[in-house]
Amino acid sequence: DIRSILSGLNFASFDYSTPISSLSGGQKTRLALGKLLLSKPELLILDE
């Protein structure tokens, strides 16, 4: 599931050991979205 989400959010070519602190703002936003999707809450609230 993790690999599927990361691939869908355009991280397939990344080394998964890459520190998040070294990423751009847009990449961090996509990772925040990916982490939320993986948590699979009963109610998903998304702002833009």
ModelCIF file with pLDDT and N, C-alpha, C, O atoms, coordinates in Angstrom:
data_MODEL
#
_entry.id   MODEL 
#
_entity.id                         1 
_entity.type                       polymer 
_entity.pdbx_number_of_molecules   1 
#
_entity_poly.entity_id                      1 
_entity_poly.type                           'polypeptide(L)' 
_entity_poly.nstd_linkage                   no 
_entity_poly.nstd_monomer                   no 
_entity_poly.pdbx_seq_one_letter_code       DIRSILSGLNFASFDYSTPISSLSGGQKTRLALGKLLLSKPELLILDE 
_entity_poly.pdbx_seq_one_letter_code_can   DIRSILSGLNFASFDYSTPISSLSGGQKTRLALGKLLLSKPELLILDE 
_entity_poly.pdbx_strand_id                 A 
#
loop_
_entity_poly_seq.entity_id 
_entity_poly_seq.num 
_entity_poly_seq.mon_id 
_entity_poly_seq.hetero 
1 1  ASP n 
1 2  ILE n 
1 3  ARG n 
1 4  SER n 
1 5  ILE n 
1 6  LEU n 
1 7  SER n 
1 8  GLY n 
1 9  LEU n 
1 10 ASN n 
1 11 PHE n 
1 12 ALA n 
1 13 SER n 
1 14 PHE n 
1 15 ASP n 
1 16 TYR n 
1 17 SER n 
1 18 THR n 
1 19 PRO n 
1 20 ILE n 
1 21 SER n 
1 22 SER n 
1 23 LEU n 
1 24 SER n 
1 25 GLY n 
1 26 GLY n 
1 27 GLN n 
1 28 LYS n 
1 29 THR n 
1 30 ARG n 
1 31 LEU n 
1 32 ALA n 
1 33 LEU n 
1 34 GLY n 
1 35 LYS n 
1 36 LEU n 
1 37 LEU n 
1 38 LEU n 
1 39 SER n 
1 40 LYS n 
1 41 PRO n 
1 42 GLU n 
1 43 LEU n 
1 44 LEU n 
1 45 ILE n 
1 46 LEU n 
1 47 ASP n 
1 48 GLU n 
#
_struct_asym.id          A 
_struct_asym.entity_id   1 
#
loop_
_ma_qa_metric.id 
_ma_qa_metric.mode 
_ma_qa_metric.name 
_ma_qa_metric.software_group_id 
_ma_qa_metric.type 
1 global pLDDT . pLDDT 
2 local  pLDDT . pLDDT 
#
_ma_qa_metric_global.metric_id      1 
_ma_qa_metric_global.metric_value   94.06 
_ma_qa_metric_global.model_id       1 
_ma_qa_metric_global.ordinal_id     1 
#
loop_
_ma_qa_metric_local.label_asym_id 
_ma_qa_metric_local.label_comp_id 
_ma_qa_metric_local.label_seq_id 
_ma_qa_metric_local.metric_id 
_ma_qa_metric_local.metric_value 
_ma_qa_metric_local.model_id 
_ma_qa_metric_local.ordinal_id 
A ASP 1  2 95.00 1 1  
A ILE 2  2 96.00 1 2  
A ARG 3  2 96.00 1 3  
A SER 4  2 95.00 1 4  
A ILE 5  2 96.00 1 5  
A LEU 6  2 96.00 1 6  
A SER 7  2 95.00 1 7  
A GLY 8  2 95.00 1 8  
A LEU 9  2 94.00 1 9  
A ASN 10 2 92.00 1 10 
A PHE 11 2 94.00 1 11 
A ALA 12 2 90.00 1 12 
A SER 13 2 90.00 1 13 
A PHE 14 2 93.00 1 14 
A ASP 15 2 95.00 1 15 
A TYR 16 2 95.00 1 16 
A SER 17 2 96.00 1 17 
A THR 18 2 96.00 1 18 
A PRO 19 2 96.00 1 19 
A ILE 20 2 96.00 1 20 
A SER 21 2 94.00 1 21 
A SER 22 2 94.00 1 22 
A LEU 23 2 92.00 1 23 
A SER 24 2 86.00 1 24 
A GLY 25 2 84.00 1 25 
A GLY 26 2 84.00 1 26 
A GLN 27 2 90.00 1 27 
A LYS 28 2 92.00 1 28 
A THR 29 2 90.00 1 29 
A ARG 30 2 93.00 1 30 
A LEU 31 2 95.00 1 31 
A ALA 32 2 95.00 1 32 
A LEU 33 2 95.00 1 33 
A GLY 34 2 96.00 1 34 
A LYS 35 2 96.00 1 35 
A LEU 36 2 96.00 1 36 
A LEU 37 2 97.00 1 37 
A LEU 38 2 96.00 1 38 
A SER 39 2 95.00 1 39 
A LYS 40 2 94.00 1 40 
A PRO 41 2 96.00 1 41 
A GLU 42 2 97.00 1 42 
A LEU 43 2 97.00 1 43 
A LEU 44 2 98.00 1 44 
A ILE 45 2 98.00 1 45 
A LEU 46 2 97.00 1 46 
A ASP 47 2 95.00 1 47 
A GLU 48 2 92.00 1 48 
#
loop_
_atom_site.group_PDB 
_atom_site.id 
_atom_site.type_symbol 
_atom_site.label_atom_id 
_atom_site.label_alt_id 
_atom_site.label_comp_id 
_atom_site.label_asym_id 
_atom_site.label_entity_id 
_atom_site.label_seq_id 
_atom_site.pdbx_PDB_ins_code 
_atom_site.Cartn_x 
_atom_site.Cartn_y 
_atom_site.Cartn_z 
_atom_site.occupancy 
_atom_site.B_iso_or_equiv 
_atom_site.pdbx_formal_charge 
_atom_site.auth_seq_id 
_atom_site.auth_comp_id 
_atom_site.auth_asym_id 
_atom_site.auth_atom_id 
_atom_site.pdbx_PDB_model_num 
ATOM 1   N N  . ASP A 1 1  ? 0.827   -1.209 0.000  1.00 95.00 ? 1  ASP A N  1 
ATOM 2   C CA . ASP A 1 1  ? 0.000   0.000  0.000  1.00 95.00 ? 1  ASP A CA 1 
ATOM 3   C C  . ASP A 1 1  ? 0.859   1.255  0.000  1.00 95.00 ? 1  ASP A C  1 
ATOM 4   O O  . ASP A 1 1  ? 0.564   2.218  -0.708 1.00 95.00 ? 1  ASP A O  1 
ATOM 5   N N  . ILE A 1 2  ? 1.920   1.242  0.794  1.00 96.00 ? 2  ILE A N  1 
ATOM 6   C CA . ILE A 1 2  ? 2.825   2.399  0.852  1.00 96.00 ? 2  ILE A CA 1 
ATOM 7   C C  . ILE A 1 2  ? 3.452   2.648  -0.519 1.00 96.00 ? 2  ILE A C  1 
ATOM 8   O O  . ILE A 1 2  ? 3.486   3.780  -1.001 1.00 96.00 ? 2  ILE A O  1 
ATOM 9   N N  . ARG A 1 3  ? 3.947   1.578  -1.139 1.00 96.00 ? 3  ARG A N  1 
ATOM 10  C CA . ARG A 1 3  ? 4.584   1.736  -2.458 1.00 96.00 ? 3  ARG A CA 1 
ATOM 11  C C  . ARG A 1 3  ? 3.582   2.227  -3.497 1.00 96.00 ? 3  ARG A C  1 
ATOM 12  O O  . ARG A 1 3  ? 3.922   3.039  -4.358 1.00 96.00 ? 3  ARG A O  1 
ATOM 13  N N  . SER A 1 4  ? 2.343   1.735  -3.417 1.00 95.00 ? 4  SER A N  1 
ATOM 14  C CA . SER A 1 4  ? 1.307   2.143  -4.366 1.00 95.00 ? 4  SER A CA 1 
ATOM 15  C C  . SER A 1 4  ? 0.998   3.633  -4.238 1.00 95.00 ? 4  SER A C  1 
ATOM 16  O O  . SER A 1 4  ? 0.901   4.341  -5.240 1.00 95.00 ? 4  SER A O  1 
ATOM 17  N N  . ILE A 1 5  ? 0.842   4.105  -2.995 1.00 96.00 ? 5  ILE A N  1 
ATOM 18  C CA . ILE A 1 5  ? 0.553   5.522  -2.764 1.00 96.00 ? 5  ILE A CA 1 
ATOM 19  C C  . ILE A 1 5  ? 1.719   6.398  -3.199 1.00 96.00 ? 5  ILE A C  1 
ATOM 20  O O  . ILE A 1 5  ? 1.517   7.418  -3.856 1.00 96.00 ? 5  ILE A O  1 
ATOM 21  N N  . LEU A 1 6  ? 2.932   6.010  -2.839 1.00 96.00 ? 6  LEU A N  1 
ATOM 22  C CA . LEU A 1 6  ? 4.110   6.795  -3.212 1.00 96.00 ? 6  LEU A CA 1 
ATOM 23  C C  . LEU A 1 6  ? 4.284   6.850  -4.727 1.00 96.00 ? 6  LEU A C  1 
ATOM 24  O O  . LEU A 1 6  ? 4.656   7.885  -5.282 1.00 96.00 ? 6  LEU A O  1 
ATOM 25  N N  . SER A 1 7  ? 4.016   5.741  -5.381 1.00 95.00 ? 7  SER A N  1 
ATOM 26  C CA . SER A 1 7  ? 4.106   5.716  -6.842 1.00 95.00 ? 7  SER A CA 1 
ATOM 27  C C  . SER A 1 7  ? 3.050   6.622  -7.457 1.00 95.00 ? 7  SER A C  1 
ATOM 28  O O  . SER A 1 7  ? 3.345   7.385  -8.377 1.00 95.00 ? 7  SER A O  1 
ATOM 29  N N  . GLY A 1 8  ? 1.812   6.541  -6.951 1.00 95.00 ? 8  GLY A N  1 
ATOM 30  C CA . GLY A 1 8  ? 0.731   7.373  -7.476 1.00 95.00 ? 8  GLY A CA 1 
ATOM 31  C C  . GLY A 1 8  ? 0.988   8.850  -7.307 1.00 95.00 ? 8  GLY A C  1 
ATOM 32  O O  . GLY A 1 8  ? 0.573   9.657  -8.139 1.00 95.00 ? 8  GLY A O  1 
ATOM 33  N N  . LEU A 1 9  ? 1.685   9.220  -6.215 1.00 94.00 ? 9  LEU A N  1 
ATOM 34  C CA . LEU A 1 9  ? 1.982   10.624 -5.939 1.00 94.00 ? 9  LEU A CA 1 
ATOM 35  C C  . LEU A 1 9  ? 3.341   11.047 -6.501 1.00 94.00 ? 9  LEU A C  1 
ATOM 36  O O  . LEU A 1 9  ? 3.921   12.048 -6.080 1.00 94.00 ? 9  LEU A O  1 
ATOM 37  N N  . ASN A 1 10 ? 3.833   10.264 -7.458 1.00 92.00 ? 10 ASN A N  1 
ATOM 38  C CA . ASN A 1 10 ? 5.028   10.625 -8.230 1.00 92.00 ? 10 ASN A CA 1 
ATOM 39  C C  . ASN A 1 10 ? 6.325   10.539 -7.427 1.00 92.00 ? 10 ASN A C  1 
ATOM 40  O O  . ASN A 1 10 ? 7.228   11.356 -7.606 1.00 92.00 ? 10 ASN A O  1 
ATOM 41  N N  . PHE A 1 11 ? 6.412   9.535  -6.535 1.00 94.00 ? 11 PHE A N  1 
ATOM 42  C CA . PHE A 1 11 ? 7.648   9.308  -5.795 1.00 94.00 ? 11 PHE A CA 1 
ATOM 43  C C  . PHE A 1 11 ? 8.298   7.973  -6.179 1.00 94.00 ? 11 PHE A C  1 
ATOM 44  O O  . PHE A 1 11 ? 9.209   7.514  -5.491 1.00 94.00 ? 11 PHE A O  1 
ATOM 45  N N  . ALA A 1 12 ? 7.843   7.353  -7.260 1.00 90.00 ? 12 ALA A N  1 
ATOM 46  C CA . ALA A 1 12 ? 8.349   6.032  -7.636 1.00 90.00 ? 12 ALA A CA 1 
ATOM 47  C C  . ALA A 1 12 ? 9.852   6.052  -7.921 1.00 90.00 ? 12 ALA A C  1 
ATOM 48  O O  . ALA A 1 12 ? 10.552  5.074  -7.656 1.00 90.00 ? 12 ALA A O  1 
ATOM 49  N N  . SER A 1 13 ? 10.343  7.167  -8.462 1.00 90.00 ? 13 SER A N  1 
ATOM 50  C CA . SER A 1 13 ? 11.764  7.238  -8.825 1.00 90.00 ? 13 SER A CA 1 
ATOM 51  C C  . SER A 1 13 ? 12.651  7.673  -7.663 1.00 90.00 ? 13 SER A C  1 
ATOM 52  O O  . SER A 1 13 ? 13.872  7.725  -7.805 1.00 90.00 ? 13 SER A O  1 
ATOM 53  N N  . PHE A 1 14 ? 12.047  7.988  -6.512 1.00 93.00 ? 14 PHE A N  1 
ATOM 54  C CA . PHE A 1 14 ? 12.818  8.469  -5.362 1.00 93.00 ? 14 PHE A CA 1 
ATOM 55  C C  . PHE A 1 14 ? 13.453  7.308  -4.599 1.00 93.00 ? 14 PHE A C  1 
ATOM 56  O O  . PHE A 1 14 ? 12.926  6.196  -4.571 1.00 93.00 ? 14 PHE A O  1 
ATOM 57  N N  . ASP A 1 15 ? 14.596  7.596  -3.984 1.00 95.00 ? 15 ASP A N  1 
ATOM 58  C CA . ASP A 1 15 ? 15.170  6.696  -2.992 1.00 95.00 ? 15 ASP A CA 1 
ATOM 59  C C  . ASP A 1 15 ? 14.371  6.907  -1.711 1.00 95.00 ? 15 ASP A C  1 
ATOM 60  O O  . ASP A 1 15 ? 14.362  8.008  -1.160 1.00 95.00 ? 15 ASP A O  1 
ATOM 61  N N  . TYR A 1 16 ? 13.691  5.848  -1.229 1.00 95.00 ? 16 TYR A N  1 
ATOM 62  C CA . TYR A 1 16 ? 12.800  6.007  -0.085 1.00 95.00 ? 16 TYR A CA 1 
ATOM 63  C C  . TYR A 1 16 ? 13.543  6.311  1.218  1.00 95.00 ? 16 TYR A C  1 
ATOM 64  O O  . TYR A 1 16 ? 12.919  6.625  2.231  1.00 95.00 ? 16 TYR A O  1 
ATOM 65  N N  . SER A 1 17 ? 14.865  6.218  1.190  1.00 96.00 ? 17 SER A N  1 
ATOM 66  C CA . SER A 1 17 ? 15.640  6.596  2.377  1.00 96.00 ? 17 SER A CA 1 
ATOM 67  C C  . SER A 1 17 ? 15.945  8.099  2.394  1.00 96.00 ? 17 SER A C  1 
ATOM 68  O O  . SER A 1 17 ? 16.604  8.588  3.311  1.00 96.00 ? 17 SER A O  1 
ATOM 69  N N  . THR A 1 18 ? 15.467  8.829  1.381  1.00 96.00 ? 18 THR A N  1 
ATOM 70  C CA . THR A 1 18 ? 15.683  10.281 1.304  1.00 96.00 ? 18 THR A CA 1 
ATOM 71  C C  . THR A 1 18 ? 15.047  10.984 2.500  1.00 96.00 ? 18 THR A C  1 
ATOM 72  O O  . THR A 1 18 ? 13.873  10.744 2.782  1.00 96.00 ? 18 THR A O  1 
ATOM 73  N N  . PRO A 1 19 ? 15.776  11.842 3.214  1.00 96.00 ? 19 PRO A N  1 
ATOM 74  C CA . PRO A 1 19 ? 15.178  12.580 4.339  1.00 96.00 ? 19 PRO A CA 1 
ATOM 75  C C  . PRO A 1 19 ? 14.098  13.541 3.843  1.00 96.00 ? 19 PRO A C  1 
ATOM 76  O O  . PRO A 1 19 ? 14.301  14.232 2.845  1.00 96.00 ? 19 PRO A O  1 
ATOM 77  N N  . ILE A 1 20 ? 12.970  13.591 4.519  1.00 96.00 ? 20 ILE A N  1 
ATOM 78  C CA . ILE A 1 20 ? 11.877  14.480 4.128  1.00 96.00 ? 20 ILE A CA 1 
ATOM 79  C C  . ILE A 1 20 ? 12.308  15.938 4.209  1.00 96.00 ? 20 ILE A C  1 
ATOM 80  O O  . ILE A 1 20 ? 11.839  16.769 3.432  1.00 96.00 ? 20 ILE A O  1 
ATOM 81  N N  . SER A 1 21 ? 13.191  16.248 5.138  1.00 94.00 ? 21 SER A N  1 
ATOM 82  C CA . SER A 1 21 ? 13.652  17.634 5.313  1.00 94.00 ? 21 SER A CA 1 
ATOM 83  C C  . SER A 1 21 ? 14.368  18.184 4.081  1.00 94.00 ? 21 SER A C  1 
ATOM 84  O O  . SER A 1 21 ? 14.485  19.399 3.921  1.00 94.00 ? 21 SER A O  1 
ATOM 85  N N  . SER A 1 22 ? 14.847  17.293 3.209  1.00 94.00 ? 22 SER A N  1 
ATOM 86  C CA . SER A 1 22 ? 15.581  17.738 2.009  1.00 94.00 ? 22 SER A CA 1 
ATOM 87  C C  . SER A 1 22 ? 14.663  17.976 0.811  1.00 94.00 ? 22 SER A C  1 
ATOM 88  O O  . SER A 1 22 ? 15.133  18.390 -0.249 1.00 94.00 ? 22 SER A O  1 
ATOM 89  N N  . LEU A 1 23 ? 13.357  17.720 0.961  1.00 92.00 ? 23 LEU A N  1 
ATOM 90  C CA . LEU A 1 23 ? 12.421  17.829 -0.156 1.00 92.00 ? 23 LEU A CA 1 
ATOM 91  C C  . LEU A 1 23 ? 11.894  19.253 -0.315 1.00 92.00 ? 23 LEU A C  1 
ATOM 92  O O  . LEU A 1 23 ? 12.015  20.075 0.594  1.00 92.00 ? 23 LEU A O  1 
ATOM 93  N N  . SER A 1 24 ? 11.305  19.536 -1.484 1.00 86.00 ? 24 SER A N  1 
ATOM 94  C CA . SER A 1 24 ? 10.701  20.846 -1.745 1.00 86.00 ? 24 SER A CA 1 
ATOM 95  C C  . SER A 1 24 ? 9.348   20.949 -1.041 1.00 86.00 ? 24 SER A C  1 
ATOM 96  O O  . SER A 1 24 ? 8.820   19.952 -0.547 1.00 86.00 ? 24 SER A O  1 
ATOM 97  N N  . GLY A 1 25 ? 8.797   22.152 -1.000 1.00 84.00 ? 25 GLY A N  1 
ATOM 98  C CA . GLY A 1 25 ? 7.501   22.366 -0.360 1.00 84.00 ? 25 GLY A CA 1 
ATOM 99  C C  . GLY A 1 25 ? 6.389   21.571 -1.019 1.00 84.00 ? 25 GLY A C  1 
ATOM 100 O O  . GLY A 1 25 ? 5.546   20.986 -0.339 1.00 84.00 ? 25 GLY A O  1 
ATOM 101 N N  . GLY A 1 26 ? 6.388   21.550 -2.352 1.00 84.00 ? 26 GLY A N  1 
ATOM 102 C CA . GLY A 1 26 ? 5.364   20.796 -3.074 1.00 84.00 ? 26 GLY A CA 1 
ATOM 103 C C  . GLY A 1 26 ? 5.452   19.302 -2.813 1.00 84.00 ? 26 GLY A C  1 
ATOM 104 O O  . GLY A 1 26 ? 4.432   18.627 -2.678 1.00 84.00 ? 26 GLY A O  1 
ATOM 105 N N  . GLN A 1 27 ? 6.689   18.783 -2.741 1.00 90.00 ? 27 GLN A N  1 
ATOM 106 C CA . GLN A 1 27 ? 6.882   17.354 -2.453 1.00 90.00 ? 27 GLN A CA 1 
ATOM 107 C C  . GLN A 1 27 ? 6.421   17.008 -1.040 1.00 90.00 ? 27 GLN A C  1 
ATOM 108 O O  . GLN A 1 27 ? 5.830   15.951 -0.818 1.00 90.00 ? 27 GLN A O  1 
ATOM 109 N N  . LYS A 1 28 ? 6.689   17.893 -0.094 1.00 92.00 ? 28 LYS A N  1 
ATOM 110 C CA . LYS A 1 28 ? 6.230   17.677 1.285  1.00 92.00 ? 28 LYS A CA 1 
ATOM 111 C C  . LYS A 1 28 ? 4.710   17.682 1.367  1.00 92.00 ? 28 LYS A C  1 
ATOM 112 O O  . LYS A 1 28 ? 4.125   16.923 2.140  1.00 92.00 ? 28 LYS A O  1 
ATOM 113 N N  . THR A 1 29 ? 4.067   18.537 0.570  1.00 90.00 ? 29 THR A N  1 
ATOM 114 C CA . THR A 1 29 ? 2.601   18.583 0.547  1.00 90.00 ? 29 THR A CA 1 
ATOM 115 C C  . THR A 1 29 ? 2.038   17.280 0.011  1.00 90.00 ? 29 THR A C  1 
ATOM 116 O O  . THR A 1 29 ? 1.056   16.757 0.538  1.00 90.00 ? 29 THR A O  1 
ATOM 117 N N  . ARG A 1 30 ? 2.666   16.751 -1.050 1.00 93.00 ? 30 ARG A N  1 
ATOM 118 C CA . ARG A 1 30 ? 2.198   15.485 -1.609 1.00 93.00 ? 30 ARG A CA 1 
ATOM 119 C C  . ARG A 1 30 ? 2.386   14.341 -0.619 1.00 93.00 ? 30 ARG A C  1 
ATOM 120 O O  . ARG A 1 30 ? 1.546   13.444 -0.542 1.00 93.00 ? 30 ARG A O  1 
ATOM 121 N N  . LEU A 1 31 ? 3.485   14.364 0.139  1.00 95.00 ? 31 LEU A N  1 
ATOM 122 C CA . LEU A 1 31 ? 3.712   13.328 1.144  1.00 95.00 ? 31 LEU A CA 1 
ATOM 123 C C  . LEU A 1 31 ? 2.693   13.416 2.274  1.00 95.00 ? 31 LEU A C  1 
ATOM 124 O O  . LEU A 1 31 ? 2.249   12.395 2.799  1.00 95.00 ? 31 LEU A O  1 
ATOM 125 N N  . ALA A 1 32 ? 2.322   14.649 2.649  1.00 95.00 ? 32 ALA A N  1 
ATOM 126 C CA . ALA A 1 32 ? 1.292   14.820 3.684  1.00 95.00 ? 32 ALA A CA 1 
ATOM 127 C C  . ALA A 1 32 ? -0.027  14.215 3.215  1.00 95.00 ? 32 ALA A C  1 
ATOM 128 O O  . ALA A 1 32 ? -0.737  13.578 3.993  1.00 95.00 ? 32 ALA A O  1 
ATOM 129 N N  . LEU A 1 33 ? -0.348  14.418 1.942  1.00 95.00 ? 33 LEU A N  1 
ATOM 130 C CA . LEU A 1 33 ? -1.548  13.819 1.362  1.00 95.00 ? 33 LEU A CA 1 
ATOM 131 C C  . LEU A 1 33 ? -1.433  12.300 1.364  1.00 95.00 ? 33 LEU A C  1 
ATOM 132 O O  . LEU A 1 33 ? -2.386  11.605 1.715  1.00 95.00 ? 33 LEU A O  1 
ATOM 133 N N  . GLY A 1 34 ? -0.265  11.781 0.972  1.00 96.00 ? 34 GLY A N  1 
ATOM 134 C CA . GLY A 1 34 ? -0.059  10.330 0.929  1.00 96.00 ? 34 GLY A CA 1 
ATOM 135 C C  . GLY A 1 34 ? -0.209  9.696  2.298  1.00 96.00 ? 34 GLY A C  1 
ATOM 136 O O  . GLY A 1 34 ? -0.822  8.637  2.431  1.00 96.00 ? 34 GLY A O  1 
ATOM 137 N N  . LYS A 1 35 ? 0.344   10.333 3.314  1.00 96.00 ? 35 LYS A N  1 
ATOM 138 C CA . LYS A 1 35 ? 0.255   9.800  4.680  1.00 96.00 ? 35 LYS A CA 1 
ATOM 139 C C  . LYS A 1 35 ? -1.195  9.767  5.143  1.00 96.00 ? 35 LYS A C  1 
ATOM 140 O O  . LYS A 1 35 ? -1.620  8.823  5.810  1.00 96.00 ? 35 LYS A O  1 
ATOM 141 N N  . LEU A 1 36 ? -1.953  10.806 4.785  1.00 96.00 ? 36 LEU A N  1 
ATOM 142 C CA . LEU A 1 36 ? -3.369  10.858 5.162  1.00 96.00 ? 36 LEU A CA 1 
ATOM 143 C C  . LEU A 1 36 ? -4.163  9.758  4.453  1.00 96.00 ? 36 LEU A C  1 
ATOM 144 O O  . LEU A 1 36 ? -5.020  9.120  5.064  1.00 96.00 ? 36 LEU A O  1 
ATOM 145 N N  . LEU A 1 37 ? -3.881  9.535  3.171  1.00 97.00 ? 37 LEU A N  1 
ATOM 146 C CA . LEU A 1 37 ? -4.594  8.492  2.423  1.00 97.00 ? 37 LEU A CA 1 
ATOM 147 C C  . LEU A 1 37 ? -4.302  7.106  3.000  1.00 97.00 ? 37 LEU A C  1 
ATOM 148 O O  . LEU A 1 37 ? -5.184  6.248  3.046  1.00 97.00 ? 37 LEU A O  1 
ATOM 149 N N  . LEU A 1 38 ? -3.070  6.895  3.435  1.00 96.00 ? 38 LEU A N  1 
ATOM 150 C CA . LEU A 1 38 ? -2.698  5.600  4.014  1.00 96.00 ? 38 LEU A CA 1 
ATOM 151 C C  . LEU A 1 38 ? -3.411  5.335  5.343  1.00 96.00 ? 38 LEU A C  1 
ATOM 152 O O  . LEU A 1 38 ? -3.656  4.183  5.700  1.00 96.00 ? 38 LEU A O  1 
ATOM 153 N N  . SER A 1 39 ? -3.741  6.399  6.067  1.00 95.00 ? 39 SER A N  1 
ATOM 154 C CA . SER A 1 39 ? -4.403  6.229  7.369  1.00 95.00 ? 39 SER A CA 1 
ATOM 155 C C  . SER A 1 39 ? -5.866  5.808  7.215  1.00 95.00 ? 39 SER A C  1 
ATOM 156 O O  . SER A 1 39 ? -6.462  5.298  8.164  1.00 95.00 ? 39 SER A O  1 
ATOM 157 N N  . LYS A 1 40 ? -6.448  6.016  6.032  1.00 94.00 ? 40 LYS A N  1 
ATOM 158 C CA . LYS A 1 40 ? -7.804  5.558  5.676  1.00 94.00 ? 40 LYS A CA 1 
ATOM 159 C C  . LYS A 1 40 ? -8.858  5.887  6.741  1.00 94.00 ? 40 LYS A C  1 
ATOM 160 O O  . LYS A 1 40 ? -9.498  4.984  7.279  1.00 94.00 ? 40 LYS A O  1 
ATOM 161 N N  . PRO A 1 41 ? -9.041  7.187  7.049  1.00 96.00 ? 41 PRO A N  1 
ATOM 162 C CA . PRO A 1 41 ? -10.078 7.551  8.023  1.00 96.00 ? 41 PRO A CA 1 
ATOM 163 C C  . PRO A 1 41 ? -11.476 7.351  7.438  1.00 96.00 ? 41 PRO A C  1 
ATOM 164 O O  . PRO A 1 41 ? -11.650 7.319  6.219  1.00 96.00 ? 41 PRO A O  1 
ATOM 165 N N  . GLU A 1 42 ? -12.473 7.216  8.324  1.00 97.00 ? 42 GLU A N  1 
ATOM 166 C CA . GLU A 1 42 ? -13.857 7.062  7.843  1.00 97.00 ? 42 GLU A CA 1 
ATOM 167 C C  . GLU A 1 42 ? -14.358 8.329  7.152  1.00 97.00 ? 42 GLU A C  1 
ATOM 168 O O  . GLU A 1 42 ? -15.201 8.263  6.257  1.00 97.00 ? 42 GLU A O  1 
ATOM 169 N N  . LEU A 1 43 ? -13.831 9.494  7.576  1.00 97.00 ? 43 LEU A N  1 
ATOM 170 C CA . LEU A 1 43 ? -14.187 10.763 6.936  1.00 97.00 ? 43 LEU A CA 1 
ATOM 171 C C  . LEU A 1 43 ? -12.903 11.489 6.566  1.00 97.00 ? 43 LEU A C  1 
ATOM 172 O O  . LEU A 1 43 ? -12.125 11.890 7.432  1.00 97.00 ? 43 LEU A O  1 
ATOM 173 N N  . LEU A 1 44 ? -12.696 11.651 5.267  1.00 98.00 ? 44 LEU A N  1 
ATOM 174 C CA . LEU A 1 44 ? -11.506 12.299 4.728  1.00 98.00 ? 44 LEU A CA 1 
ATOM 175 C C  . LEU A 1 44 ? -11.858 13.747 4.390  1.00 98.00 ? 44 LEU A C  1 
ATOM 176 O O  . LEU A 1 44 ? -12.739 14.000 3.568  1.00 98.00 ? 44 LEU A O  1 
ATOM 177 N N  . ILE A 1 45 ? -11.171 14.691 5.025  1.00 98.00 ? 45 ILE A N  1 
ATOM 178 C CA . ILE A 1 45 ? -11.450 16.120 4.825  1.00 98.00 ? 45 ILE A CA 1 
ATOM 179 C C  . ILE A 1 45 ? -10.256 16.750 4.114  1.00 98.00 ? 45 ILE A C  1 
ATOM 180 O O  . ILE A 1 45 ? -9.154  16.788 4.662  1.00 98.00 ? 45 ILE A O  1 
ATOM 181 N N  . LEU A 1 46 ? -10.472 17.242 2.901  1.00 97.00 ? 46 LEU A N  1 
ATOM 182 C CA . LEU A 1 46 ? -9.380  17.730 2.060  1.00 97.00 ? 46 LEU A CA 1 
ATOM 183 C C  . LEU A 1 46 ? -9.635  19.170 1.636  1.00 97.00 ? 46 LEU A C  1 
ATOM 184 O O  . LEU A 1 46 ? -10.694 19.488 1.095  1.00 97.00 ? 46 LEU A O  1 
ATOM 185 N N  . ASP A 1 47 ? -8.655  20.041 1.886  1.00 95.00 ? 47 ASP A N  1 
ATOM 186 C CA . ASP A 1 47 ? -8.752  21.441 1.483  1.00 95.00 ? 47 ASP A CA 1 
ATOM 187 C C  . ASP A 1 47 ? -7.758  21.690 0.357  1.00 95.00 ? 47 ASP A C  1 
ATOM 188 O O  . ASP A 1 47 ? -6.550  21.761 0.583  1.00 95.00 ? 47 ASP A O  1 
ATOM 189 N N  . GLU A 1 48 ? -8.275  21.819 -0.843 1.00 92.00 ? 48 GLU A N  1 
ATOM 190 C CA . GLU A 1 48 ? -7.462  22.038 -2.049 1.00 92.00 ? 48 GLU A CA 1 
ATOM 191 C C  . GLU A 1 48 ? -6.354  20.987 -2.213 1.00 92.00 ? 48 GLU A C  1 
ATOM 192 O O  . GLU A 1 48 ? -5.591  21.040 -3.178 1.00 92.00 ? 48 GLU A O  1 
#
